[in-house]
Structures are given as C-alpha cells and as structure tokens.
C-alpha cells in the first residue's frame, strides 16, 4: 500500500458499519476520491470534527489493492469553513456546490483548477452576504472547466446574433434564434437581458463576478439556466434545489411572512 498526501475538501460522508465512516473528498492532486476512516464515528475518534462537510484539510491516505476505496490515515484541518454550515441559505448553496462536484466529476480525474475554484467558492460563501451569487459563480466556472461551455454569441443554426428571445438547446450546446428554433422540442426560452448578462459574467474576474450588478430577476433566470444545464449533464434531477426549496417553505411557515 502506498502512502499519499494531498490537500482536500470533504464533499460527502456517510456511516459505514458500526464505527467507521465513508468519506468523499475532492482533492488537488487526485480529483474526487472516496475512503474509509476507521473508527471515525467513535466518541473519542482521532479524527474529531475534521471530517465535517466543507472542511479543507491535509489528507494522508493509503492506497489499497482490494477496492477503489482508500484508507484515510489522517486529515488535518486547514480551514473548517464553519459559517457555511451554520446558516440555512449558505448551507443550501454550499450543498449545491458539493453536489455538482460529486455528480459531474469522475473518480481519480485530477483538475487542480476545479479544486482551486471549490476553495475560492467556499471562501466566498463564508465571507459575502449573498451565498446564491457565490454558488452561481461556481456553477458558471465549473461547467466551463469541465468542457460544457454553452455557445451564447451566435445562433447555432444560422450563425447570426440570437436576438432578444432566443431558445437554449442544451443537447446542441447553445442558442437558437426565433427563426431557427423548432416550434416544439426540449428547449429553454431565455430573455435577451439574461443572455447579455450571462455573456458578461463569463468574462469577468472572480472578484468582479462576485460583485457584478445584476437585477434579482435576471440573476434568478441565469441560476435556473445553469441548474437546468447541470441537471441535463447528470441525467437526473438534482437533490439540493428541492431540499433548499422545502427548507425555505418550512422556515417561512415557522416564522411567518
């Protein structure tokens, strides 16, 4: 068994047996990998609270020959990102980020840029008052890094500007103008304002992207487009948006309008 060391963020975890925990990490050098943390659920575990979701740490693990799972030896905390877990909206948006990583990436497919994007996003979720913008920024950058960038500057059919009411064809990978879009089909209608804002956001630097002025309606439209894009890529409904919507409704009922 070979001993390996890398920076990592905890993106998933679940109980395994009576005392162990199965943990999924997104790592800088190895991409997404899963491992068994022996005794992690015991009250006096040597892992303590290190294996909480969103925690960034230095991972020490052993490769095993019997399965694709590694054996987690140590996980020393670099940054716990506790505030991301303490507020519902931050937790929900952070969970969306983790779900995207868990379902859009392959095991052992290292992408250092994607790891850097994850850490920047967690810092933004911890620091800025608009967690939805941080999650939007992550999704926008992540789909590009994973090779799923949509064509937004020209109609895929005629090559002309898409106009003020284009339709998005996810299967084809871009926009169709009103003249080229078929009357029926699995296409998403977009406003011209959303297309222009989305094109502008894609060319901004990270800090500019987080601070860019976008109306609430347009930002919500862009977020729904990106969510639909991710859902199409993973091939089934995403879990996090449904959980967040239910949690918001429960909170509204409990506190009143």
C-alpha atoms as a PDB file:
ATOM      1  CA  UNK A   1       0.000   0.000   0.000  1.00  0.00           C
ATOM      2  CA  UNK A   2       1.344   3.418  -0.965  1.00  0.00           C
ATOM      3  CA  UNK A   3       1.091   6.449   1.297  1.00  0.00           C
ATOM      4  CA  UNK A   4      -0.206   9.593  -0.409  1.00  0.00           C
ATOM      5  CA  UNK A   5      -0.628  13.197   0.723  1.00  0.00           C
ATOM      6  CA  UNK A   6      -2.768  15.952  -0.788  1.00  0.00           C
ATOM      7  CA  UNK A   7      -4.940  18.938   0.035  1.00  0.00           C
ATOM      8  CA  UNK A   8      -8.635  18.055   0.015  1.00  0.00           C
ATOM      9  CA  UNK A   9     -12.144  19.224   0.859  1.00  0.00           C
ATOM     10  CA  UNK A  10     -14.802  16.931   2.340  1.00  0.00           C
ATOM     11  CA  UNK A  11     -17.685  16.823  -0.153  1.00  0.00           C
ATOM     12  CA  UNK A  12     -19.615  13.784   1.129  1.00  0.00           C
ATOM     13  CA  UNK A  13     -19.817  11.382   4.065  1.00  0.00           C
ATOM     14  CA  UNK A  14     -21.975   8.585   5.409  1.00  0.00           C
ATOM     15  CA  UNK A  15     -21.829   5.941   8.136  1.00  0.00           C
ATOM     16  CA  UNK A  16     -20.133   2.656   7.363  1.00  0.00           C
ATOM     17  CA  UNK A  17     -20.652  -0.247   9.727  1.00  0.00           C
ATOM     18  CA  UNK A  18     -20.817   0.436  13.462  1.00  0.00           C
ATOM     19  CA  UNK A  19     -17.845   2.749  13.896  1.00  0.00           C
ATOM     20  CA  UNK A  20     -16.405   3.742  10.514  1.00  0.00           C
ATOM     21  CA  UNK A  21     -17.243   6.473   8.048  1.00  0.00           C
ATOM     22  CA  UNK A  22     -17.125   6.525   4.267  1.00  0.00           C
ATOM     23  CA  UNK A  23     -15.868   9.953   3.206  1.00  0.00           C
ATOM     24  CA  UNK A  24     -15.677  11.525  -0.253  1.00  0.00           C
ATOM     25  CA  UNK A  25     -13.048  14.185  -0.870  1.00  0.00           C
ATOM     26  CA  UNK A  26     -12.285  16.481  -3.742  1.00  0.00           C
ATOM     27  CA  UNK A  27      -8.504  16.679  -3.809  1.00  0.00           C
ATOM     28  CA  UNK A  28      -5.999  18.910  -5.549  1.00  0.00           C
ATOM     29  CA  UNK A  29      -3.754  16.142  -6.928  1.00  0.00           C
ATOM     30  CA  UNK A  30      -6.151  13.196  -7.331  1.00  0.00           C
ATOM     31  CA  UNK A  31      -9.546  14.720  -8.089  1.00  0.00           C
ATOM     32  CA  UNK A  32     -12.532  13.065  -6.449  1.00  0.00           C
ATOM     33  CA  UNK A  33     -11.816  10.032  -4.310  1.00  0.00           C
ATOM     34  CA  UNK A  34     -13.537   8.124  -1.511  1.00  0.00           C
ATOM     35  CA  UNK A  35     -12.025   6.445   1.503  1.00  0.00           C
ATOM     36  CA  UNK A  36     -12.787   4.687   4.762  1.00  0.00           C
ATOM     37  CA  UNK A  37     -11.997   6.489   8.006  1.00  0.00           C
ATOM     38  CA  UNK A  38     -11.686   3.696  10.554  1.00  0.00           C
ATOM     39  CA  UNK A  39     -13.299   4.435  13.915  1.00  0.00           C
ATOM     40  CA  UNK A  40     -14.358   7.932  12.834  1.00  0.00           C
ATOM     41  CA  UNK A  41     -17.797   7.596  14.460  1.00  0.00           C
ATOM     42  CA  UNK A  42     -16.469   6.654  17.886  1.00  0.00           C
ATOM     43  CA  UNK A  43     -16.806   9.359  20.593  1.00  0.00           C
ATOM     44  CA  UNK A  44     -13.048   9.646  21.031  1.00  0.00           C
ATOM     45  CA  UNK A  45     -12.094   9.261  17.399  1.00  0.00           C
ATOM     46  CA  UNK A  46      -8.711  10.687  16.422  1.00  0.00           C
ATOM     47  CA  UNK A  47     -10.450  12.439  13.523  1.00  0.00           C
ATOM     48  CA  UNK A  48     -12.582  14.556  15.873  1.00  0.00           C
ATOM     49  CA  UNK A  49     -14.644  17.043  13.835  1.00  0.00           C
ATOM     50  CA  UNK A  50     -12.207  17.087  10.920  1.00  0.00           C
ATOM     51  CA  UNK A  51     -14.466  15.106   8.586  1.00  0.00           C
ATOM     52  CA  UNK A  52     -17.362  17.588   8.556  1.00  0.00           C
ATOM     53  CA  UNK A  53     -18.691  18.697   5.175  1.00  0.00           C
ATOM     54  CA  UNK A  54     -16.875  21.645   3.554  1.00  0.00           C
ATOM     55  CA  UNK A  55     -13.758  21.178   5.697  1.00  0.00           C
ATOM     56  CA  UNK A  56     -10.489  21.789   3.887  1.00  0.00           C
ATOM     57  CA  UNK A  57      -7.535  19.842   5.165  1.00  0.00           C
ATOM     58  CA  UNK A  58      -4.338  17.951   4.501  1.00  0.00           C
ATOM     59  CA  UNK A  59      -5.284  14.381   3.659  1.00  0.00           C
ATOM     60  CA  UNK A  60      -2.974  11.456   4.315  1.00  0.00           C
ATOM     61  CA  UNK A  61      -4.207   8.145   2.893  1.00  0.00           C
ATOM     62  CA  UNK A  62      -3.127   4.667   1.880  1.00  0.00           C
ATOM     63  CA  UNK A  63      -3.908   3.132  -1.477  1.00  0.00           C
ATOM     64  CA  UNK A  64      -5.450  -0.330  -1.223  1.00  0.00           C
ATOM     65  CA  UNK A  65      -5.437  -3.222  -3.690  1.00  0.00           C
ATOM     66  CA  UNK A  66      -8.789  -4.720  -2.759  1.00  0.00           C
ATOM     67  CA  UNK A  67     -11.080  -1.887  -3.865  1.00  0.00           C
ATOM     68  CA  UNK A  68     -11.187   1.618  -5.273  1.00  0.00           C
ATOM     69  CA  UNK A  69     -11.542   2.987  -1.748  1.00  0.00           C
ATOM     70  CA  UNK A  70      -8.528   4.400   0.036  1.00  0.00           C
ATOM     71  CA  UNK A  71      -7.814   4.108   3.751  1.00  0.00           C
ATOM     72  CA  UNK A  72      -7.856   7.504   5.425  1.00  0.00           C
ATOM     73  CA  UNK A  73      -4.956   7.806   7.840  1.00  0.00           C
ATOM     74  CA  UNK A  74      -5.082  11.475   8.876  1.00  0.00           C
ATOM     75  CA  UNK A  75      -6.997  14.579   7.892  1.00  0.00           C
ATOM     76  CA  UNK A  76      -5.513  17.701   9.441  1.00  0.00           C
ATOM     77  CA  UNK A  77      -7.752  20.761   9.246  1.00  0.00           C
ATOM     78  CA  UNK A  78      -6.522  23.737   7.226  1.00  0.00           C
ATOM     79  CA  UNK A  79      -9.830  25.642   7.211  1.00  0.00           C
ATOM     80  CA  UNK A  80     -13.107  24.312   8.631  1.00  0.00           C
ATOM     81  CA  UNK A  81     -15.491  26.757   6.864  1.00  0.00           C
ATOM     82  CA  UNK A  82     -17.832  26.528   9.844  1.00  0.00           C
ATOM     83  CA  UNK A  83     -20.030  29.539   8.828  1.00  0.00           C
ATOM     84  CA  UNK A  84     -21.055  27.706   5.662  1.00  0.00           C
ATOM     85  CA  UNK A  85     -22.728  25.044   7.818  1.00  0.00           C
ATOM     86  CA  UNK A  86     -24.353  27.427  10.298  1.00  0.00           C
ATOM     87  CA  UNK A  87     -26.878  29.306   8.122  1.00  0.00           C
ATOM     88  CA  UNK A  88     -29.559  27.616   6.048  1.00  0.00           C
ATOM     89  CA  UNK A  89     -29.046  29.593   2.836  1.00  0.00           C
ATOM     90  CA  UNK A  90     -25.264  29.221   2.984  1.00  0.00           C
ATOM     91  CA  UNK A  91     -25.610  25.505   3.736  1.00  0.00           C
ATOM     92  CA  UNK A  92     -28.024  25.042   0.841  1.00  0.00           C
ATOM     93  CA  UNK A  93     -25.883  26.873  -1.686  1.00  0.00           C
ATOM     94  CA  UNK A  94     -22.761  25.119  -0.420  1.00  0.00           C
ATOM     95  CA  UNK A  95     -24.508  21.761  -0.757  1.00  0.00           C
ATOM     96  CA  UNK A  96     -25.294  22.603  -4.377  1.00  0.00           C
ATOM     97  CA  UNK A  97     -21.572  23.150  -4.980  1.00  0.00           C
ATOM     98  CA  UNK A  98     -20.743  19.790  -3.407  1.00  0.00           C
ATOM     99  CA  UNK A  99     -23.472  18.017  -5.376  1.00  0.00           C
ATOM    100  CA  UNK A 100     -22.131  19.442  -8.639  1.00  0.00           C
ATOM    101  CA  UNK A 101     -18.650  18.153  -7.806  1.00  0.00           C
ATOM    102  CA  UNK A 102     -19.917  14.791  -6.661  1.00  0.00           C
ATOM    103  CA  UNK A 103     -22.072  14.149  -9.725  1.00  0.00           C
ATOM    104  CA  UNK A 104     -20.263  15.917 -12.566  1.00  0.00           C
ATOM    105  CA  UNK A 105     -16.715  14.704 -11.918  1.00  0.00           C
ATOM    106  CA  UNK A 106     -15.195  11.272 -12.364  1.00  0.00           C
ATOM    107  CA  UNK A 107     -13.204   9.361  -9.769  1.00  0.00           C
ATOM    108  CA  UNK A 108      -9.437   9.970  -9.923  1.00  0.00           C
ATOM    109  CA  UNK A 109      -9.690  12.702 -12.573  1.00  0.00           C
ATOM    110  CA  UNK A 110      -7.450  15.442 -11.144  1.00  0.00           C
ATOM    111  CA  UNK A 111      -8.257  19.036 -12.071  1.00  0.00           C
ATOM    112  CA  UNK A 112      -6.279  21.482  -9.985  1.00  0.00           C
ATOM    113  CA  UNK A 113      -8.238  24.445 -11.388  1.00  0.00           C
ATOM    114  CA  UNK A 114     -11.506  22.911 -10.222  1.00  0.00           C
ATOM    115  CA  UNK A 115     -10.071  22.334  -6.742  1.00  0.00           C
ATOM    116  CA  UNK A 116      -8.983  25.974  -6.641  1.00  0.00           C
ATOM    117  CA  UNK A 117     -12.459  27.056  -7.739  1.00  0.00           C
ATOM    118  CA  UNK A 118     -14.007  24.988  -4.933  1.00  0.00           C
ATOM    119  CA  UNK A 119     -11.830  26.628  -2.278  1.00  0.00           C
ATOM    120  CA  UNK A 120     -12.486  30.136  -3.646  1.00  0.00           C
ATOM    121  CA  UNK A 121     -16.213  29.428  -3.610  1.00  0.00           C
ATOM    122  CA  UNK A 122     -16.168  28.215  -0.010  1.00  0.00           C
ATOM    123  CA  UNK A 123     -14.301  31.371   0.997  1.00  0.00           C
ATOM    124  CA  UNK A 124     -16.940  33.462  -0.776  1.00  0.00           C
ATOM    125  CA  UNK A 125     -19.762  31.537   0.920  1.00  0.00           C
ATOM    126  CA  UNK A 126     -18.078  32.231   4.249  1.00  0.00           C
ATOM    127  CA  UNK A 127     -17.469  35.931   3.642  1.00  0.00           C
ATOM    128  CA  UNK A 128     -20.035  37.536   1.332  1.00  0.00           C
ATOM    129  CA  UNK A 129     -23.690  38.180   2.272  1.00  0.00           C
ATOM    130  CA  UNK A 130     -25.046  36.725  -0.999  1.00  0.00           C
ATOM    131  CA  UNK A 131     -24.450  32.963  -0.990  1.00  0.00           C
ATOM    132  CA  UNK A 132     -26.570  32.494  -4.115  1.00  0.00           C
ATOM    133  CA  UNK A 133     -24.137  34.614  -6.123  1.00  0.00           C
ATOM    134  CA  UNK A 134     -21.202  32.518  -4.911  1.00  0.00           C
ATOM    135  CA  UNK A 135     -22.983  29.319  -5.991  1.00  0.00           C
ATOM    136  CA  UNK A 136     -23.887  30.864  -9.349  1.00  0.00           C
ATOM    137  CA  UNK A 137     -20.264  31.918  -9.883  1.00  0.00           C
ATOM    138  CA  UNK A 138     -19.087  28.405  -9.073  1.00  0.00           C
ATOM    139  CA  UNK A 139     -21.543  26.737 -11.459  1.00  0.00           C
ATOM    140  CA  UNK A 140     -20.703  29.170 -14.244  1.00  0.00           C
ATOM    141  CA  UNK A 141     -16.971  28.473 -13.937  1.00  0.00           C
ATOM    142  CA  UNK A 142     -17.290  24.742 -13.222  1.00  0.00           C
ATOM    143  CA  UNK A 143     -19.274  23.853 -16.350  1.00  0.00           C
ATOM    144  CA  UNK A 144     -16.659  25.681 -18.425  1.00  0.00           C
ATOM    145  CA  UNK A 145     -13.750  23.900 -16.710  1.00  0.00           C
ATOM    146  CA  UNK A 146     -15.452  20.550 -17.280  1.00  0.00           C
ATOM    147  CA  UNK A 147     -15.801  21.236 -21.007  1.00  0.00           C
ATOM    148  CA  UNK A 148     -19.529  22.027 -21.180  1.00  0.00           C
ATOM    149  CA  UNK A 149     -19.409  25.701 -22.182  1.00  0.00           C
ATOM    150  CA  UNK A 150     -22.555  26.867 -23.976  1.00  0.00           C
ATOM    151  CA  UNK A 151     -22.359  28.939 -27.189  1.00  0.00           C
ATOM    152  CA  UNK A 152     -24.118  32.244 -26.483  1.00  0.00           C
ATOM    153  CA  UNK A 153     -22.809  34.725 -29.036  1.00  0.00           C
ATOM    154  CA  UNK A 154     -24.345  33.295 -32.217  1.00  0.00           C
ATOM    155  CA  UNK A 155     -27.324  31.208 -33.270  1.00  0.00           C
ATOM    156  CA  UNK A 156     -26.238  27.616 -33.832  1.00  0.00           C
ATOM    157  CA  UNK A 157     -28.488  27.408 -36.874  1.00  0.00           C
ATOM    158  CA  UNK A 158     -27.815  30.491 -38.959  1.00  0.00           C
ATOM    159  CA  UNK A 159     -24.773  31.983 -37.252  1.00  0.00           C
ATOM    160  CA  UNK A 160     -26.446  35.340 -36.707  1.00  0.00           C
ATOM    161  CA  UNK A 161     -26.896  37.154 -33.353  1.00  0.00           C
ATOM    162  CA  UNK A 162     -29.527  35.217 -31.377  1.00  0.00           C
ATOM    163  CA  UNK A 163     -31.910  38.165 -30.901  1.00  0.00           C
ATOM    164  CA  UNK A 164     -33.945  39.195 -27.876  1.00  0.00           C
ATOM    165  CA  UNK A 165     -35.890  35.956 -27.322  1.00  0.00           C
ATOM    166  CA  UNK A 166     -33.579  33.047 -28.139  1.00  0.00           C
ATOM    167  CA  UNK A 167     -34.082  29.468 -27.049  1.00  0.00           C
ATOM    168  CA  UNK A 168     -31.387  27.349 -25.472  1.00  0.00           C
ATOM    169  CA  UNK A 169     -30.760  23.896 -26.900  1.00  0.00           C
ATOM    170  CA  UNK A 170     -28.755  22.011 -24.267  1.00  0.00           C
ATOM    171  CA  UNK A 171     -28.254  18.973 -26.493  1.00  0.00           C
ATOM    172  CA  UNK A 172     -26.717  21.123 -29.256  1.00  0.00           C
ATOM    173  CA  UNK A 173     -24.777  23.247 -26.780  1.00  0.00           C
ATOM    174  CA  UNK A 174     -26.044  26.757 -27.431  1.00  0.00           C
ATOM    175  CA  UNK A 175     -28.690  29.228 -28.571  1.00  0.00           C
ATOM    176  CA  UNK A 176     -31.127  29.184 -31.446  1.00  0.00           C
ATOM    177  CA  UNK A 177     -32.778  32.337 -32.720  1.00  0.00           C
ATOM    178  CA  UNK A 178     -36.530  32.586 -33.182  1.00  0.00           C
ATOM    179  CA  UNK A 179     -36.264  31.699 -36.854  1.00  0.00           C
ATOM    180  CA  UNK A 180     -34.137  28.584 -36.348  1.00  0.00           C
ATOM    181  CA  UNK A 181     -35.724  27.177 -33.194  1.00  0.00           C
ATOM    182  CA  UNK A 182     -38.262  24.405 -33.891  1.00  0.00           C
ATOM    183  CA  UNK A 183     -41.823  25.056 -32.678  1.00  0.00           C
ATOM    184  CA  UNK A 184     -41.663  22.069 -30.348  1.00  0.00           C
ATOM    185  CA  UNK A 185     -38.822  20.401 -28.507  1.00  0.00           C
ATOM    186  CA  UNK A 186     -36.882  20.375 -25.270  1.00  0.00           C
ATOM    187  CA  UNK A 187     -35.684  23.975 -25.497  1.00  0.00           C
ATOM    188  CA  UNK A 188     -35.480  26.669 -22.825  1.00  0.00           C
ATOM    189  CA  UNK A 189     -36.713  30.188 -23.529  1.00  0.00           C
ATOM    190  CA  UNK A 190     -34.333  32.942 -22.427  1.00  0.00           C
ATOM    191  CA  UNK A 191     -34.668  36.684 -22.195  1.00  0.00           C
ATOM    192  CA  UNK A 192     -32.234  38.899 -24.062  1.00  0.00           C
ATOM    193  CA  UNK A 193     -31.251  40.501 -20.725  1.00  0.00           C
ATOM    194  CA  UNK A 194     -30.269  37.119 -19.287  1.00  0.00           C
ATOM    195  CA  UNK A 195     -28.183  36.224 -22.344  1.00  0.00           C
ATOM    196  CA  UNK A 196     -26.324  39.522 -22.255  1.00  0.00           C
ATOM    197  CA  UNK A 197     -25.713  39.289 -18.509  1.00  0.00           C
ATOM    198  CA  UNK A 198     -24.542  35.697 -18.774  1.00  0.00           C
ATOM    199  CA  UNK A 199     -22.086  36.574 -21.520  1.00  0.00           C
ATOM    200  CA  UNK A 200     -20.756  39.469 -19.454  1.00  0.00           C
ATOM    201  CA  UNK A 201     -20.385  37.424 -16.272  1.00  0.00           C
ATOM    202  CA  UNK A 202     -18.386  34.747 -18.069  1.00  0.00           C
ATOM    203  CA  UNK A 203     -15.547  37.149 -18.946  1.00  0.00           C
ATOM    204  CA  UNK A 204     -15.213  38.816 -15.521  1.00  0.00           C
ATOM    205  CA  UNK A 205     -12.522  38.055 -12.974  1.00  0.00           C
ATOM    206  CA  UNK A 206     -13.557  36.188  -9.838  1.00  0.00           C
ATOM    207  CA  UNK A 207     -13.941  39.189  -7.544  1.00  0.00           C
ATOM    208  CA  UNK A 208     -15.698  41.155 -10.288  1.00  0.00           C
ATOM    209  CA  UNK A 209     -18.051  38.240 -10.846  1.00  0.00           C
ATOM    210  CA  UNK A 210     -18.995  38.133  -7.179  1.00  0.00           C
ATOM    211  CA  UNK A 211     -19.627  41.895  -7.067  1.00  0.00           C
ATOM    212  CA  UNK A 212     -21.236  42.457 -10.501  1.00  0.00           C
ATOM    213  CA  UNK A 213     -24.535  44.343 -10.506  1.00  0.00           C
ATOM    214  CA  UNK A 214     -27.304  42.120 -11.883  1.00  0.00           C
ATOM    215  CA  UNK A 215     -31.010  42.524 -11.202  1.00  0.00           C
ATOM    216  CA  UNK A 216     -32.621  39.930  -8.977  1.00  0.00           C
ATOM    217  CA  UNK A 217     -34.906  38.681 -11.752  1.00  0.00           C
ATOM    218  CA  UNK A 218     -32.074  38.271 -14.251  1.00  0.00           C
ATOM    219  CA  UNK A 219     -29.821  36.567 -11.683  1.00  0.00           C
ATOM    220  CA  UNK A 220     -32.613  34.126 -10.840  1.00  0.00           C
ATOM    221  CA  UNK A 221     -33.096  33.381 -14.549  1.00  0.00           C
ATOM    222  CA  UNK A 222     -29.378  32.745 -15.015  1.00  0.00           C
ATOM    223  CA  UNK A 223     -29.297  30.492 -11.938  1.00  0.00           C
ATOM    224  CA  UNK A 224     -32.232  28.466 -13.313  1.00  0.00           C
ATOM    225  CA  UNK A 225     -30.468  28.101 -16.670  1.00  0.00           C
ATOM    226  CA  UNK A 226     -27.281  26.852 -15.012  1.00  0.00           C
ATOM    227  CA  UNK A 227     -29.238  24.467 -12.814  1.00  0.00           C
ATOM    228  CA  UNK A 228     -31.042  23.077 -15.866  1.00  0.00           C
ATOM    229  CA  UNK A 229     -27.687  22.692 -17.622  1.00  0.00           C
ATOM    230  CA  UNK A 230     -26.247  20.705 -14.707  1.00  0.00           C
ATOM    231  CA  UNK A 231     -29.383  18.543 -14.488  1.00  0.00           C
ATOM    232  CA  UNK A 232     -29.072  17.679 -18.164  1.00  0.00           C
ATOM    233  CA  UNK A 233     -25.414  16.772 -17.687  1.00  0.00           C
ATOM    234  CA  UNK A 234     -26.020  14.453 -14.725  1.00  0.00           C
ATOM    235  CA  UNK A 235     -29.098  12.922 -16.367  1.00  0.00           C
ATOM    236  CA  UNK A 236     -31.453  13.150 -13.393  1.00  0.00           C
ATOM    237  CA  UNK A 237     -32.946  15.773 -11.053  1.00  0.00           C
ATOM    238  CA  UNK A 238     -30.591  17.466  -8.621  1.00  0.00           C
ATOM    239  CA  UNK A 239     -31.306  16.890  -4.941  1.00  0.00           C
ATOM    240  CA  UNK A 240     -30.121  20.170  -3.420  1.00  0.00           C
ATOM    241  CA  UNK A 241     -32.562  22.658  -5.043  1.00  0.00           C
ATOM    242  CA  UNK A 242     -35.517  20.580  -3.881  1.00  0.00           C
ATOM    243  CA  UNK A 243     -34.138  20.374  -0.337  1.00  0.00           C
ATOM    244  CA  UNK A 244     -33.483  24.118  -0.231  1.00  0.00           C
ATOM    245  CA  UNK A 245     -36.978  24.963  -1.503  1.00  0.00           C
ATOM    246  CA  UNK A 246     -38.567  22.705   1.141  1.00  0.00           C
ATOM    247  CA  UNK A 247     -36.390  24.185   3.889  1.00  0.00           C
ATOM    248  CA  UNK A 248     -37.332  27.726   2.855  1.00  0.00           C
ATOM    249  CA  UNK A 249     -41.029  26.859   2.928  1.00  0.00           C
ATOM    250  CA  UNK A 250     -40.689  25.296   6.370  1.00  0.00           C
ATOM    251  CA  UNK A 251     -38.824  28.365   7.641  1.00  0.00           C
ATOM    252  CA  UNK A 252     -41.491  30.671   6.230  1.00  0.00           C
ATOM    253  CA  UNK A 253     -44.277  28.699   7.915  1.00  0.00           C
ATOM    254  CA  UNK A 254     -42.391  28.747  11.212  1.00  0.00           C
ATOM    255  CA  UNK A 255     -41.554  32.460  11.228  1.00  0.00           C
ATOM    256  CA  UNK A 256     -44.446  33.892   9.223  1.00  0.00           C
ATOM    257  CA  UNK A 257     -44.241  36.038   6.085  1.00  0.00           C
END
